[in-house]
Structure formats: C-alpha cells, structure tokens
C-alpha cells in the first residue's frame, strides 16, 4: 500500500517536469503527506492542470466523505471490477507527483519505518484516479486514490504491495490521455534496481510531524 509520501520539490520545477499548463494550487514543501489531507494532483481535462484534491477517493454515490478514508489506495488488478474505481479508471485518471514514500517494515515483533525513493532523487508520478462528489448541501469535493501493484524485489522485503510509479514522461502522458486498454498495462512494479530504501525514525508516525528531518536516515531497529 502507500499511506504516506513526500512532495517538497519547488512548484516551478514540478510545473516544468510534468508539463503543467494551468496551476490551481499553492504548494509548500511537504515531508509527511497523510490520508484525508489535500495533495497535489495533475489532471488533463484540457489543459494539463495542477490542482489539490483530498487523498482518499470518495465515489460520486457515497453518502458522505467518510468512505474516502478507506479508499486511499486502489488495487490495479481489480480496478475494472470495483464500483468505486471502474468509472474513474476509464474517465478520470491522474498523476500524483512525489519524491518518495514511506512504508512500515515488520521486523520481528516491531515495525521499522522505511523511506523509499528513486536513486536519481528526481520526482516521479504515482498513477492515480480521481472523482468528484457533491454533498447534500451542494459542496463539491474532488478526491483521489493512489493505485498499488505487486512489489518489486526491493519492496518485497518491506511490504506485499507498492504504489504504481509511471516509468517515463511518455507513460505519464499515456496514463492521462490514452484509452483504458493502453493505460492499464502501465500498472506494474517499478524496476527495483532504480530504487533504494533506508530506515528512518518514528517521526512519520505522527501526521503533525511534517518537517525535513522526516527523511533523515536513522539506525535500524535492532
């Protein structure tokens, strides 16, 4: 799964890297993005737009926002089957930019927090889905989910799932603009040889700890 991640790259660099044409979000460095918070999302409803959405997809038919807390991730294998995701995967795909993500690795009877990122240190995009929900009072809430896939060799030592990371700018464009038959094959594990992971402290356990020190290496649990 993917339950926390970072996005601290300056806005201008995000705009250039992901060829954003319209900016509808004010970004600040984030080192501990957590579910139900507003996160940066790139959509392609002509033009390519950077906006903020609530993390935790709320289907249009949901009674209230609470369902979103259970929808922070969507399994790639069942997207076309699940009522919560099957329309979004056909019509509302998005990019979710990040530099890395956190996972809890079981070590004996304890959990070791790990930070996982690309060896290049460059930002990348999770494959995501988004939806629009309208409250009984007429409030419109846009929300999103990060798609997960089977782990690569590195992630298999940490967790049994990993987020779907698109592997090139061409794949990002195809995920946003291609048909579902072209887009879904892109949902596969990222090459392990291009990633690295290291232990970090327990700071990330608290969403309130949103500071650069979150990604500092720490001694692993003995």
C-alpha atoms as a PDB file:
ATOM      1  CA  UNK A   1       0.000   0.000   0.000  1.00  0.00           C
ATOM      2  CA  UNK A   2       1.003   3.651   0.149  1.00  0.00           C
ATOM      3  CA  UNK A   3      -0.040   5.570   3.246  1.00  0.00           C
ATOM      4  CA  UNK A   4       2.432   8.482   3.459  1.00  0.00           C
ATOM      5  CA  UNK A   5       4.671  10.280   0.967  1.00  0.00           C
ATOM      6  CA  UNK A   6       6.668  13.442   0.288  1.00  0.00           C
ATOM      7  CA  UNK A   7       6.420  16.337  -2.151  1.00  0.00           C
ATOM      8  CA  UNK A   8       8.948  19.073  -1.458  1.00  0.00           C
ATOM      9  CA  UNK A   9      10.170  19.906  -4.997  1.00  0.00           C
ATOM     10  CA  UNK A  10       9.528  23.622  -5.721  1.00  0.00           C
ATOM     11  CA  UNK A  11       6.367  24.429  -7.665  1.00  0.00           C
ATOM     12  CA  UNK A  12       8.250  25.771 -10.692  1.00  0.00           C
ATOM     13  CA  UNK A  13      10.183  22.533 -11.049  1.00  0.00           C
ATOM     14  CA  UNK A  14       7.004  20.469 -10.751  1.00  0.00           C
ATOM     15  CA  UNK A  15       5.397  22.590 -13.476  1.00  0.00           C
ATOM     16  CA  UNK A  16       8.367  22.057 -15.808  1.00  0.00           C
ATOM     17  CA  UNK A  17       8.869  18.372 -15.041  1.00  0.00           C
ATOM     18  CA  UNK A  18       5.217  17.431 -15.609  1.00  0.00           C
ATOM     19  CA  UNK A  19       4.485  19.963 -18.397  1.00  0.00           C
ATOM     20  CA  UNK A  20       1.728  21.622 -16.374  1.00  0.00           C
ATOM     21  CA  UNK A  21      -0.172  24.309 -18.295  1.00  0.00           C
ATOM     22  CA  UNK A  22      -2.521  25.608 -15.589  1.00  0.00           C
ATOM     23  CA  UNK A  23      -1.791  25.877 -11.863  1.00  0.00           C
ATOM     24  CA  UNK A  24      -4.729  25.892  -9.463  1.00  0.00           C
ATOM     25  CA  UNK A  25      -2.807  25.031  -6.302  1.00  0.00           C
ATOM     26  CA  UNK A  26      -0.409  26.680  -3.887  1.00  0.00           C
ATOM     27  CA  UNK A  27       2.229  24.160  -2.872  1.00  0.00           C
ATOM     28  CA  UNK A  28       4.563  24.221   0.102  1.00  0.00           C
ATOM     29  CA  UNK A  29       7.215  21.610   0.910  1.00  0.00           C
ATOM     30  CA  UNK A  30       5.569  18.520   2.423  1.00  0.00           C
ATOM     31  CA  UNK A  31       7.506  15.736   4.125  1.00  0.00           C
ATOM     32  CA  UNK A  32       4.644  13.709   5.578  1.00  0.00           C
ATOM     33  CA  UNK A  33       1.544  13.790   3.412  1.00  0.00           C
ATOM     34  CA  UNK A  34      -1.203  11.701   5.012  1.00  0.00           C
ATOM     35  CA  UNK A  35      -4.661  10.400   4.044  1.00  0.00           C
ATOM     36  CA  UNK A  36      -7.588  12.856   4.021  1.00  0.00           C
ATOM     37  CA  UNK A  37      -5.167  15.761   3.523  1.00  0.00           C
ATOM     38  CA  UNK A  38      -5.090  17.885   0.364  1.00  0.00           C
ATOM     39  CA  UNK A  39      -2.415  16.672  -2.061  1.00  0.00           C
ATOM     40  CA  UNK A  40      -1.163  17.837  -5.471  1.00  0.00           C
ATOM     41  CA  UNK A  41      -2.777  16.122  -8.449  1.00  0.00           C
ATOM     42  CA  UNK A  42      -2.282  16.592 -12.189  1.00  0.00           C
ATOM     43  CA  UNK A  43      -5.260  16.081 -14.498  1.00  0.00           C
ATOM     44  CA  UNK A  44      -5.633  16.503 -18.234  1.00  0.00           C
ATOM     45  CA  UNK A  45      -9.099  17.923 -18.735  1.00  0.00           C
ATOM     46  CA  UNK A  46      -7.573  20.209 -21.410  1.00  0.00           C
ATOM     47  CA  UNK A  47      -5.244  21.789 -20.423  1.00  0.00           C
ATOM     48  CA  UNK A  48      -2.948  19.764 -18.141  1.00  0.00           C
ATOM     49  CA  UNK A  49      -3.763  21.178 -14.709  1.00  0.00           C
ATOM     50  CA  UNK A  50      -2.139  21.021 -11.280  1.00  0.00           C
ATOM     51  CA  UNK A  51      -4.740  21.179  -8.528  1.00  0.00           C
ATOM     52  CA  UNK A  52      -5.265  19.942  -4.995  1.00  0.00           C
ATOM     53  CA  UNK A  53      -7.552  17.084  -4.037  1.00  0.00           C
ATOM     54  CA  UNK A  54      -8.455  15.237  -0.896  1.00  0.00           C
ATOM     55  CA  UNK A  55      -6.447  11.998  -0.558  1.00  0.00           C
ATOM     56  CA  UNK A  56      -8.966   9.184  -0.220  1.00  0.00           C
ATOM     57  CA  UNK A  57     -11.323   8.719  -3.161  1.00  0.00           C
ATOM     58  CA  UNK A  58     -14.987   9.432  -2.453  1.00  0.00           C
ATOM     59  CA  UNK A  59     -17.222   7.884  -5.159  1.00  0.00           C
ATOM     60  CA  UNK A  60     -19.967  10.091  -6.547  1.00  0.00           C
ATOM     61  CA  UNK A  61     -22.583   7.774  -4.994  1.00  0.00           C
ATOM     62  CA  UNK A  62     -21.143   7.859  -1.457  1.00  0.00           C
ATOM     63  CA  UNK A  63     -23.421   9.126   1.315  1.00  0.00           C
ATOM     64  CA  UNK A  64     -20.668  11.141   2.979  1.00  0.00           C
ATOM     65  CA  UNK A  65     -16.916  11.768   2.966  1.00  0.00           C
ATOM     66  CA  UNK A  66     -16.092   9.047   5.496  1.00  0.00           C
ATOM     67  CA  UNK A  67     -15.805   6.377   2.786  1.00  0.00           C
ATOM     68  CA  UNK A  68     -12.750   8.165   1.414  1.00  0.00           C
ATOM     69  CA  UNK A  69     -10.551   7.176   4.354  1.00  0.00           C
ATOM     70  CA  UNK A  70     -10.850   3.549   3.151  1.00  0.00           C
ATOM     71  CA  UNK A  71     -10.044   4.452  -0.465  1.00  0.00           C
ATOM     72  CA  UNK A  72      -6.538   5.933  -0.257  1.00  0.00           C
ATOM     73  CA  UNK A  73      -5.255   3.077  -2.447  1.00  0.00           C
ATOM     74  CA  UNK A  74      -6.780   1.128  -5.343  1.00  0.00           C
ATOM     75  CA  UNK A  75      -5.507  -2.314  -6.364  1.00  0.00           C
ATOM     76  CA  UNK A  76      -4.514  -2.370 -10.044  1.00  0.00           C
ATOM     77  CA  UNK A  77      -5.786  -5.922 -10.509  1.00  0.00           C
ATOM     78  CA  UNK A  78      -9.410  -5.076  -9.677  1.00  0.00           C
ATOM     79  CA  UNK A  79      -9.876  -1.520 -10.955  1.00  0.00           C
ATOM     80  CA  UNK A  80     -12.291  -2.549 -13.696  1.00  0.00           C
ATOM     81  CA  UNK A  81     -14.356  -4.641 -11.297  1.00  0.00           C
ATOM     82  CA  UNK A  82     -14.785  -2.389  -8.263  1.00  0.00           C
ATOM     83  CA  UNK A  83     -17.752   0.020  -8.393  1.00  0.00           C
ATOM     84  CA  UNK A  84     -15.646   2.629  -6.594  1.00  0.00           C
ATOM     85  CA  UNK A  85     -12.984   2.728  -9.319  1.00  0.00           C
ATOM     86  CA  UNK A  86     -14.230   1.308 -12.619  1.00  0.00           C
ATOM     87  CA  UNK A  87     -15.635   4.592 -13.938  1.00  0.00           C
ATOM     88  CA  UNK A  88     -12.641   6.628 -12.772  1.00  0.00           C
ATOM     89  CA  UNK A  89     -10.119   4.322 -14.460  1.00  0.00           C
ATOM     90  CA  UNK A  90     -11.902   4.899 -17.756  1.00  0.00           C
ATOM     91  CA  UNK A  91     -12.532   8.633 -17.454  1.00  0.00           C
ATOM     92  CA  UNK A  92     -10.645  10.242 -14.559  1.00  0.00           C
ATOM     93  CA  UNK A  93      -7.007   9.194 -14.349  1.00  0.00           C
ATOM     94  CA  UNK A  94      -4.396  11.485 -12.817  1.00  0.00           C
ATOM     95  CA  UNK A  95      -0.741  11.872 -11.877  1.00  0.00           C
ATOM     96  CA  UNK A  96       0.241  12.322  -8.232  1.00  0.00           C
ATOM     97  CA  UNK A  97       3.767  13.789  -8.031  1.00  0.00           C
ATOM     98  CA  UNK A  98       6.170  12.734  -5.269  1.00  0.00           C
ATOM     99  CA  UNK A  99       9.852  12.187  -4.499  1.00  0.00           C
ATOM    100  CA  UNK A 100       9.405   9.208  -2.199  1.00  0.00           C
ATOM    101  CA  UNK A 101       7.060   7.315   0.083  1.00  0.00           C
ATOM    102  CA  UNK A 102       7.086   5.659   3.482  1.00  0.00           C
ATOM    103  CA  UNK A 103       6.340   2.089   4.466  1.00  0.00           C
ATOM    104  CA  UNK A 104       6.362   0.159   7.720  1.00  0.00           C
ATOM    105  CA  UNK A 105       8.524  -2.983   7.575  1.00  0.00           C
ATOM    106  CA  UNK A 106       7.778  -5.770  10.015  1.00  0.00           C
ATOM    107  CA  UNK A 107      10.961  -6.589  11.939  1.00  0.00           C
ATOM    108  CA  UNK A 108      10.353  -9.321  14.458  1.00  0.00           C
ATOM    109  CA  UNK A 109       7.608  -8.035  16.709  1.00  0.00           C
ATOM    110  CA  UNK A 110       8.223  -4.395  15.770  1.00  0.00           C
ATOM    111  CA  UNK A 111       7.813  -2.155  12.754  1.00  0.00           C
ATOM    112  CA  UNK A 112      10.697  -0.295  11.149  1.00  0.00           C
ATOM    113  CA  UNK A 113       9.792   2.821   9.217  1.00  0.00           C
ATOM    114  CA  UNK A 114      11.403   2.961   5.756  1.00  0.00           C
ATOM    115  CA  UNK A 115      11.728   5.735   3.181  1.00  0.00           C
ATOM    116  CA  UNK A 116      11.715   4.596  -0.448  1.00  0.00           C
ATOM    117  CA  UNK A 117      12.725   6.774  -3.396  1.00  0.00           C
ATOM    118  CA  UNK A 118      14.402   6.712  -6.797  1.00  0.00           C
ATOM    119  CA  UNK A 119      18.188   6.504  -6.778  1.00  0.00           C
ATOM    120  CA  UNK A 120      18.243   9.562  -9.033  1.00  0.00           C
ATOM    121  CA  UNK A 121      16.478  11.613  -6.360  1.00  0.00           C
ATOM    122  CA  UNK A 122      14.163  13.017  -9.028  1.00  0.00           C
ATOM    123  CA  UNK A 123      10.408  13.483  -8.599  1.00  0.00           C
ATOM    124  CA  UNK A 124       8.116  10.902 -10.201  1.00  0.00           C
ATOM    125  CA  UNK A 125       4.396  10.308 -10.603  1.00  0.00           C
ATOM    126  CA  UNK A 126       2.159   7.761  -8.945  1.00  0.00           C
ATOM    127  CA  UNK A 127      -0.648   6.544 -11.190  1.00  0.00           C
ATOM    128  CA  UNK A 128      -3.858   7.809  -9.639  1.00  0.00           C
ATOM    129  CA  UNK A 129      -7.609   8.073 -10.050  1.00  0.00           C
ATOM    130  CA  UNK A 130      -9.888  10.923  -9.074  1.00  0.00           C
ATOM    131  CA  UNK A 131     -13.580  11.531  -8.515  1.00  0.00           C
ATOM    132  CA  UNK A 132     -15.974  14.376  -7.830  1.00  0.00           C
ATOM    133  CA  UNK A 133     -18.500  14.123  -5.002  1.00  0.00           C
ATOM    134  CA  UNK A 134     -21.299  16.545  -4.187  1.00  0.00           C
ATOM    135  CA  UNK A 135     -22.647  16.884  -0.657  1.00  0.00           C
ATOM    136  CA  UNK A 136     -26.387  17.244   0.076  1.00  0.00           C
ATOM    137  CA  UNK A 137     -25.644  20.950   0.644  1.00  0.00           C
ATOM    138  CA  UNK A 138     -24.085  21.278  -2.813  1.00  0.00           C
ATOM    139  CA  UNK A 139     -20.403  21.346  -1.796  1.00  0.00           C
ATOM    140  CA  UNK A 140     -18.162  19.801  -4.457  1.00  0.00           C
ATOM    141  CA  UNK A 141     -15.224  17.713  -3.215  1.00  0.00           C
ATOM    142  CA  UNK A 142     -12.577  16.327  -5.569  1.00  0.00           C
ATOM    143  CA  UNK A 143     -10.694  13.341  -4.182  1.00  0.00           C
ATOM    144  CA  UNK A 144      -8.142  10.816  -5.385  1.00  0.00           C
ATOM    145  CA  UNK A 145      -6.541   7.436  -4.808  1.00  0.00           C
ATOM    146  CA  UNK A 146      -3.052   6.032  -5.459  1.00  0.00           C
ATOM    147  CA  UNK A 147      -3.006   2.764  -7.393  1.00  0.00           C
ATOM    148  CA  UNK A 148      -0.949  -0.125  -5.996  1.00  0.00           C
ATOM    149  CA  UNK A 149       0.635  -3.147  -7.680  1.00  0.00           C
ATOM    150  CA  UNK A 150       2.651  -6.243  -6.787  1.00  0.00           C
ATOM    151  CA  UNK A 151       6.010  -5.349  -5.185  1.00  0.00           C
ATOM    152  CA  UNK A 152       9.362  -5.443  -6.951  1.00  0.00           C
ATOM    153  CA  UNK A 153      12.299  -7.312  -5.385  1.00  0.00           C
ATOM    154  CA  UNK A 154      13.239  -4.363  -3.166  1.00  0.00           C
ATOM    155  CA  UNK A 155       9.718  -3.684  -1.932  1.00  0.00           C
ATOM    156  CA  UNK A 156       9.012  -7.383  -1.363  1.00  0.00           C
ATOM    157  CA  UNK A 157      11.439  -7.234   1.573  1.00  0.00           C
ATOM    158  CA  UNK A 158       9.371  -4.412   3.074  1.00  0.00           C
ATOM    159  CA  UNK A 159       5.709  -4.905   2.136  1.00  0.00           C
ATOM    160  CA  UNK A 160       3.486  -7.029  -0.100  1.00  0.00           C
ATOM    161  CA  UNK A 161       2.305  -4.061  -2.199  1.00  0.00           C
ATOM    162  CA  UNK A 162       3.847  -0.938  -3.691  1.00  0.00           C
ATOM    163  CA  UNK A 163       2.472   2.178  -5.400  1.00  0.00           C
ATOM    164  CA  UNK A 164       2.292   2.160  -9.199  1.00  0.00           C
ATOM    165  CA  UNK A 165       5.035   4.529 -10.392  1.00  0.00           C
ATOM    166  CA  UNK A 166       4.922   5.518 -14.058  1.00  0.00           C
ATOM    167  CA  UNK A 167       8.294   4.890 -15.680  1.00  0.00           C
ATOM    168  CA  UNK A 168       8.681   7.756 -18.180  1.00  0.00           C
ATOM    169  CA  UNK A 169       7.105  11.007 -19.312  1.00  0.00           C
ATOM    170  CA  UNK A 170       5.636   9.117 -22.262  1.00  0.00           C
ATOM    171  CA  UNK A 171       3.930   6.716 -19.860  1.00  0.00           C
ATOM    172  CA  UNK A 172       2.619   9.650 -17.827  1.00  0.00           C
ATOM    173  CA  UNK A 173       1.056  11.137 -20.959  1.00  0.00           C
ATOM    174  CA  UNK A 174      -0.445   7.797 -21.951  1.00  0.00           C
ATOM    175  CA  UNK A 175      -1.860   7.288 -18.457  1.00  0.00           C
ATOM    176  CA  UNK A 176      -3.566  10.667 -18.640  1.00  0.00           C
ATOM    177  CA  UNK A 177      -4.743  10.616 -22.231  1.00  0.00           C
ATOM    178  CA  UNK A 178      -4.798   7.058 -23.553  1.00  0.00           C
ATOM    179  CA  UNK A 179      -7.677   4.632 -23.650  1.00  0.00           C
ATOM    180  CA  UNK A 180      -8.113   2.207 -20.785  1.00  0.00           C
ATOM    181  CA  UNK A 181      -6.715  -0.655 -22.891  1.00  0.00           C
ATOM    182  CA  UNK A 182      -3.498   1.338 -23.411  1.00  0.00           C
ATOM    183  CA  UNK A 183      -3.271   2.719 -19.879  1.00  0.00           C
ATOM    184  CA  UNK A 184      -3.810  -0.300 -17.644  1.00  0.00           C
ATOM    185  CA  UNK A 185      -0.706  -2.237 -18.873  1.00  0.00           C
ATOM    186  CA  UNK A 186       1.366   0.625 -17.404  1.00  0.00           C
ATOM    187  CA  UNK A 187       0.363  -0.505 -13.920  1.00  0.00           C
ATOM    188  CA  UNK A 188       3.332  -2.649 -12.974  1.00  0.00           C
ATOM    189  CA  UNK A 189       6.119  -2.625 -10.417  1.00  0.00           C
ATOM    190  CA  UNK A 190       8.901  -0.087 -10.922  1.00  0.00           C
ATOM    191  CA  UNK A 191      12.391  -1.583 -11.596  1.00  0.00           C
ATOM    192  CA  UNK A 192      13.974  -2.399  -8.234  1.00  0.00           C
ATOM    193  CA  UNK A 193      17.469  -1.555  -9.456  1.00  0.00           C
ATOM    194  CA  UNK A 194      16.431   2.100  -9.846  1.00  0.00           C
ATOM    195  CA  UNK A 195      15.110   2.455  -6.301  1.00  0.00           C
ATOM    196  CA  UNK A 196      16.550   2.451  -2.822  1.00  0.00           C
ATOM    197  CA  UNK A 197      15.174   2.295   0.710  1.00  0.00           C
ATOM    198  CA  UNK A 198      16.605   3.185   4.101  1.00  0.00           C
ATOM    199  CA  UNK A 199      15.393   3.201   7.715  1.00  0.00           C
ATOM    200  CA  UNK A 200      14.111   6.419   9.267  1.00  0.00           C
ATOM    201  CA  UNK A 201      12.910   7.444  12.711  1.00  0.00           C
ATOM    202  CA  UNK A 202       9.365   7.180  14.060  1.00  0.00           C
ATOM    203  CA  UNK A 203       8.663  10.881  13.389  1.00  0.00           C
ATOM    204  CA  UNK A 204       6.459   9.979  10.417  1.00  0.00           C
ATOM    205  CA  UNK A 205       4.048   8.085  12.678  1.00  0.00           C
ATOM    206  CA  UNK A 206       2.518  11.459  13.561  1.00  0.00           C
ATOM    207  CA  UNK A 207       0.993  13.410  10.628  1.00  0.00           C
ATOM    208  CA  UNK A 208       1.755  16.561  12.604  1.00  0.00           C
ATOM    209  CA  UNK A 209       5.489  15.943  12.058  1.00  0.00           C
ATOM    210  CA  UNK A 210       5.822  17.451   8.604  1.00  0.00           C
ATOM    211  CA  UNK A 211       9.470  18.523   8.634  1.00  0.00           C
ATOM    212  CA  UNK A 212      12.609  17.817   6.528  1.00  0.00           C
ATOM    213  CA  UNK A 213      14.010  15.651   9.330  1.00  0.00           C
ATOM    214  CA  UNK A 214      11.346  13.037   8.488  1.00  0.00           C
ATOM    215  CA  UNK A 215      13.508  11.704   5.654  1.00  0.00           C
ATOM    216  CA  UNK A 216      16.800  11.634   7.536  1.00  0.00           C
ATOM    217  CA  UNK A 217      18.357   8.152   7.805  1.00  0.00           C
ATOM    218  CA  UNK A 218      18.206   6.511  11.242  1.00  0.00           C
ATOM    219  CA  UNK A 219      19.695   3.440  12.877  1.00  0.00           C
ATOM    220  CA  UNK A 220      17.543   0.393  12.126  1.00  0.00           C
ATOM    221  CA  UNK A 221      15.686  -1.370  14.896  1.00  0.00           C
ATOM    222  CA  UNK A 222      17.955  -3.962  16.468  1.00  0.00           C
END
